[in-house]
Amino acid sequence: TKVALEAGIEQDRLDQVNCPIGLEIGAESPEEIAIAVLAEILASHKGVNL
């Protein structure tokens, strides 16, 4: 966060960042991580509060 602020990114923009990304499903492989990320994106798009 400190580096981003020093680079000129405003705090309100940083507050919109969701990190780490991906649902916590115990994903380990790249494929599983991709599914976890897409699941979180889909939930957000559908308005599901996780």
C-alpha atoms as a PDB file:
ATOM      1  CA  THR A   1       0.000   0.000   0.000  1.00  0.00           C
ATOM      2  CA  LYS A   2       2.778   2.421   0.902  1.00  0.00           C
ATOM      3  CA  VAL A   3       4.492   1.963  -2.461  1.00  0.00           C
ATOM      4  CA  ALA A   4       1.229   2.458  -4.330  1.00  0.00           C
ATOM      5  CA  LEU A   5       0.454   5.644  -2.401  1.00  0.00           C
ATOM      6  CA  GLU A   6       3.970   6.952  -3.034  1.00  0.00           C
ATOM      7  CA  ALA A   7       3.466   6.204  -6.732  1.00  0.00           C
ATOM      8  CA  GLY A   8       0.476   8.548  -6.726  1.00  0.00           C
ATOM      9  CA  ILE A   9      -2.379   6.073  -6.520  1.00  0.00           C
ATOM     10  CA  GLU A  10      -5.151   7.533  -4.384  1.00  0.00           C
ATOM     11  CA  GLN A  11      -6.337   5.711  -1.260  1.00  0.00           C
ATOM     12  CA  ASP A  12      -9.945   5.567  -2.481  1.00  0.00           C
ATOM     13  CA  ARG A  13      -8.739   3.650  -5.549  1.00  0.00           C
ATOM     14  CA  LEU A  14      -6.741   1.271  -3.384  1.00  0.00           C
ATOM     15  CA  ASP A  15      -9.805   0.677  -1.210  1.00  0.00           C
ATOM     16  CA  GLN A  16     -11.506  -0.797  -4.283  1.00  0.00           C
ATOM     17  CA  VAL A  17      -8.840  -3.471  -4.712  1.00  0.00           C
ATOM     18  CA  ASN A  18      -9.805  -6.923  -3.470  1.00  0.00           C
ATOM     19  CA  CYS A  19      -6.713  -8.836  -2.501  1.00  0.00           C
ATOM     20  CA  PRO A  20      -5.896 -11.647  -2.355  1.00  0.00           C
ATOM     21  CA  ILE A  21      -8.193 -12.645  -5.176  1.00  0.00           C
ATOM     22  CA  GLY A  22      -9.985 -15.967  -5.448  1.00  0.00           C
ATOM     23  CA  LEU A  23     -12.316 -17.877  -3.187  1.00  0.00           C
ATOM     24  CA  GLU A  24     -10.603 -19.844  -0.438  1.00  0.00           C
ATOM     25  CA  ILE A  25     -11.281 -23.358  -1.718  1.00  0.00           C
ATOM     26  CA  GLY A  26      -7.883 -24.885  -1.045  1.00  0.00           C
ATOM     27  CA  ALA A  27      -6.776 -24.406  -4.647  1.00  0.00           C
ATOM     28  CA  GLU A  28      -3.196 -25.431  -5.371  1.00  0.00           C
ATOM     29  CA  SER A  29      -2.754 -25.990  -9.095  1.00  0.00           C
ATOM     30  CA  PRO A  30      -2.898 -23.143 -11.624  1.00  0.00           C
ATOM     31  CA  GLU A  31      -6.157 -24.560 -12.953  1.00  0.00           C
ATOM     32  CA  GLU A  32      -7.745 -24.654  -9.500  1.00  0.00           C
ATOM     33  CA  ILE A  33      -6.554 -21.125  -8.740  1.00  0.00           C
ATOM     34  CA  ALA A  34      -8.064 -19.918 -12.027  1.00  0.00           C
ATOM     35  CA  ILE A  35     -11.398 -21.501 -11.072  1.00  0.00           C
ATOM     36  CA  ALA A  36     -11.262 -19.867  -7.627  1.00  0.00           C
ATOM     37  CA  VAL A  37     -10.585 -16.460  -9.202  1.00  0.00           C
ATOM     38  CA  LEU A  38     -13.344 -16.859 -11.776  1.00  0.00           C
ATOM     39  CA  ALA A  39     -15.775 -18.012  -9.088  1.00  0.00           C
ATOM     40  CA  GLU A  40     -15.106 -14.854  -7.094  1.00  0.00           C
ATOM     41  CA  ILE A  41     -15.506 -12.670 -10.184  1.00  0.00           C
ATOM     42  CA  LEU A  42     -18.798 -14.376 -11.049  1.00  0.00           C
ATOM     43  CA  ALA A  43     -20.095 -14.003  -7.496  1.00  0.00           C
ATOM     44  CA  SER A  44     -19.241 -10.299  -7.550  1.00  0.00           C
ATOM     45  CA  HIS A  45     -20.884  -9.862 -10.942  1.00  0.00           C
ATOM     46  CA  LYS A  46     -24.054 -11.583  -9.673  1.00  0.00           C
ATOM     47  CA  GLY A  47     -24.101  -9.444  -6.527  1.00  0.00           C
ATOM     48  CA  VAL A  48     -23.376 -12.302  -4.143  1.00  0.00           C
ATOM     49  CA  ASN A  49     -21.786 -11.038  -0.931  1.00  0.00           C
ATOM     50  CA  LEU A  50     -19.082 -13.488   0.140  1.00  0.00           C
END
